[in-house]
Amino acid sequence: MGKRVTRELTYDASIGEVAAMLTDPAFRERVLERLKVVRGHATVEDGVVTIDQVQSASSLPSFATRLVGDEIRIVQVESWRTPERADVEVTIPGKPGAMSGTATLTESGGRTTERIEMEVTVRVPLVGGKIEGLVADMLGKALDKEHETGVEWLARG
């Protein structure tokens, strides 16, 4: 069992514009800058977006930093099989945690909503549930920052 995370992000743009943004490595690099990652990069090939980033673990509680160390590497792979849907896999190489789920885009009245549904799992006795909660909170904050960046990105045209 894990912790489910569901978020809906709405953009004042067509599904085509939002899909193009989400598969643009320049947009993904901008999101990484806004997240203030220690280091990271984004690549896109044949509709597969790969985001490899390292974040500081300094804001995590001590029980979590004992597990992950001073930094945490996160690899996110989004497989956009159609402009409307992606399978999303997030791994933390060498650590007992992962996330998986989907991102779907729907358009109504010229506005597009991205719905992200993820399951966070951390296989650590006793503290796994607490860490799942921390990871879910981190995911929520990252999605909020991505949405904020996306709104600005689309407004620039």
Protein backbone atom coordinates (compact mmCIF):
# COMPACT_ATOMS: atom_id res chain seq x y z
CA MET A 1 0.00 0.00 0.00
CA GLY A 2 1.27 3.49 -0.61
CA LYS A 3 0.14 7.08 -0.50
CA ARG A 4 -1.97 8.34 -3.40
CA VAL A 5 -1.43 11.83 -4.77
CA THR A 6 -3.92 13.43 -7.18
CA ARG A 7 -3.53 16.94 -8.55
CA GLU A 8 -5.36 18.91 -11.22
CA LEU A 9 -3.51 21.75 -12.93
CA THR A 10 -5.49 23.98 -15.30
CA TYR A 11 -4.01 26.09 -18.09
CA ASP A 12 -5.62 28.73 -20.32
CA ALA A 13 -4.40 26.98 -23.47
CA SER A 14 -5.36 24.24 -25.90
CA ILE A 15 -4.44 20.63 -25.29
CA GLY A 16 -1.92 20.88 -28.15
CA GLU A 17 -0.16 23.86 -26.56
CA VAL A 18 0.00 22.18 -23.14
CA ALA A 19 1.21 18.88 -24.62
CA ALA A 20 3.91 20.74 -26.57
CA MET A 21 5.00 22.57 -23.40
CA LEU A 22 5.18 19.37 -21.33
CA THR A 23 7.38 17.70 -23.96
CA ASP A 24 9.67 20.71 -24.44
CA PRO A 25 13.06 20.17 -22.76
CA ALA A 26 13.50 23.97 -22.40
CA PHE A 27 10.30 24.14 -20.33
CA ARG A 28 11.42 21.23 -18.16
CA GLU A 29 14.84 22.85 -17.64
CA ARG A 30 13.06 26.07 -16.58
CA VAL A 31 11.02 24.11 -14.02
CA LEU A 32 14.25 22.60 -12.63
CA GLU A 33 15.68 26.12 -12.25
CA ARG A 34 12.55 27.26 -10.43
CA LEU A 35 12.75 24.21 -8.14
CA LYS A 36 16.30 25.26 -7.26
CA VAL A 37 17.66 21.75 -7.73
CA VAL A 38 21.34 21.16 -6.92
CA ARG A 39 21.78 19.88 -10.48
CA GLY A 40 19.59 18.36 -13.13
CA HIS A 41 18.72 18.07 -16.79
CA ALA A 42 15.79 17.12 -18.98
CA THR A 43 15.73 15.21 -22.25
CA VAL A 44 12.92 14.35 -24.65
CA GLU A 45 13.11 11.59 -27.23
CA ASP A 46 10.20 10.04 -29.14
CA GLY A 47 7.63 11.37 -26.66
CA VAL A 48 9.57 10.18 -23.60
CA VAL A 49 10.48 12.95 -21.18
CA THR A 50 13.31 12.09 -18.77
CA ILE A 51 14.09 14.45 -15.91
CA ASP A 52 17.17 13.57 -13.86
CA GLN A 53 17.63 15.83 -10.86
CA VAL A 54 19.43 16.06 -7.55
CA GLN A 55 17.76 17.92 -4.71
CA SER A 56 19.13 18.92 -1.34
CA ALA A 57 17.75 16.89 1.54
CA SER A 58 18.45 19.68 4.03
CA SER A 59 14.76 20.44 4.56
CA LEU A 60 13.91 16.83 5.42
CA PRO A 61 13.62 15.57 9.00
CA SER A 62 16.65 13.75 10.38
CA PHE A 63 15.03 10.29 10.18
CA ALA A 64 14.66 10.81 6.41
CA THR A 65 18.14 12.22 5.81
CA ARG A 66 19.61 9.17 7.55
CA LEU A 67 18.00 7.15 4.77
CA VAL A 68 18.77 9.38 1.76
CA GLY A 69 21.85 11.37 2.81
CA ASP A 70 22.52 15.06 2.12
CA GLU A 71 21.18 14.91 -1.43
CA ILE A 72 18.50 12.89 -3.15
CA ARG A 73 18.60 11.91 -6.82
CA ILE A 74 15.22 11.63 -8.52
CA VAL A 75 14.67 10.26 -12.02
CA GLN A 76 11.27 10.96 -13.58
CA VAL A 77 10.24 9.33 -16.87
CA GLU A 78 7.02 10.38 -18.61
CA SER A 79 6.05 8.26 -21.61
CA TRP A 80 3.65 10.38 -23.68
CA ARG A 81 2.07 7.74 -25.93
CA THR A 82 -0.53 10.27 -27.10
CA PRO A 83 -0.78 14.04 -26.54
CA GLU A 84 -3.48 13.30 -23.93
CA ARG A 85 -1.84 10.66 -21.72
CA ALA A 86 1.48 9.70 -20.19
CA ASP A 87 2.60 6.89 -17.94
CA VAL A 88 4.82 8.35 -15.22
CA GLU A 89 7.53 6.50 -13.30
CA VAL A 90 9.69 8.18 -10.67
CA THR A 91 12.61 6.37 -9.08
CA ILE A 92 15.12 7.26 -6.42
CA PRO A 93 18.14 5.23 -7.58
CA GLY A 94 19.62 3.12 -4.81
CA LYS A 95 16.81 3.94 -2.37
CA PRO A 96 13.66 1.97 -1.48
CA GLY A 97 11.16 4.47 -2.82
CA ALA A 98 9.29 5.04 -6.07
CA MET A 99 6.23 6.67 -7.57
CA SER A 100 4.14 5.57 -10.50
CA GLY A 101 0.97 6.75 -12.14
CA THR A 102 -0.41 8.76 -15.02
CA ALA A 103 -0.77 12.28 -16.36
CA THR A 104 -3.81 12.98 -18.53
CA LEU A 105 -4.83 16.10 -20.42
CA THR A 106 -8.42 17.12 -21.15
CA GLU A 107 -9.61 20.27 -22.89
CA SER A 108 -12.84 22.14 -22.32
CA GLY A 109 -13.70 25.61 -23.56
CA GLY A 110 -10.13 26.41 -24.61
CA ARG A 111 -8.71 25.46 -21.20
CA THR A 112 -6.71 22.31 -20.55
CA THR A 113 -6.56 20.41 -17.28
CA GLU A 114 -3.64 18.14 -16.49
CA ARG A 115 -4.62 15.46 -13.98
CA ILE A 116 -1.74 13.73 -12.23
CA GLU A 117 -2.46 10.55 -10.28
CA MET A 118 0.50 8.97 -8.52
CA GLU A 119 1.09 6.26 -5.95
CA VAL A 120 4.07 6.82 -3.64
CA THR A 121 5.65 3.72 -2.10
CA VAL A 122 8.55 3.54 0.32
CA ARG A 123 9.57 0.10 1.52
CA VAL A 124 11.21 0.86 4.87
CA PRO A 125 10.02 -0.80 8.08
CA LEU A 126 8.44 1.49 10.70
CA VAL A 127 9.04 4.85 8.98
CA GLY A 128 7.92 4.02 5.41
CA GLY A 129 4.52 5.64 5.87
CA LYS A 130 6.06 8.84 7.25
CA ILE A 131 8.50 9.00 4.35
CA GLU A 132 5.66 8.40 1.87
CA GLY A 133 3.93 11.44 3.36
CA LEU A 134 7.08 13.55 3.00
CA VAL A 135 7.55 12.45 -0.61
CA ALA A 136 3.89 13.17 -1.38
CA ASP A 137 4.28 16.68 0.06
CA MET A 138 7.46 17.22 -1.99
CA LEU A 139 5.64 16.02 -5.11
CA GLY A 140 2.76 18.41 -4.45
CA LYS A 141 5.11 21.38 -4.04
CA ALA A 142 7.01 20.42 -7.22
CA LEU A 143 3.74 20.18 -9.17
CA ASP A 144 2.65 23.58 -7.85
CA LYS A 145 5.95 25.08 -9.05
CA GLU A 146 5.61 23.33 -12.43
CA HIS A 147 2.07 24.72 -12.80
CA GLU A 148 3.18 28.25 -11.89
CA THR A 149 6.03 28.00 -14.41
CA GLY A 150 3.65 26.57 -17.04
CA VAL A 151 1.14 29.39 -16.66
CA GLU A 152 3.96 31.92 -17.21
CA TRP A 153 5.42 29.89 -20.08
CA LEU A 154 2.11 29.73 -21.95
CA ALA A 155 1.35 33.41 -21.33
CA ARG A 156 4.60 34.31 -23.15
CA GLY A 157 3.27 32.54 -26.20
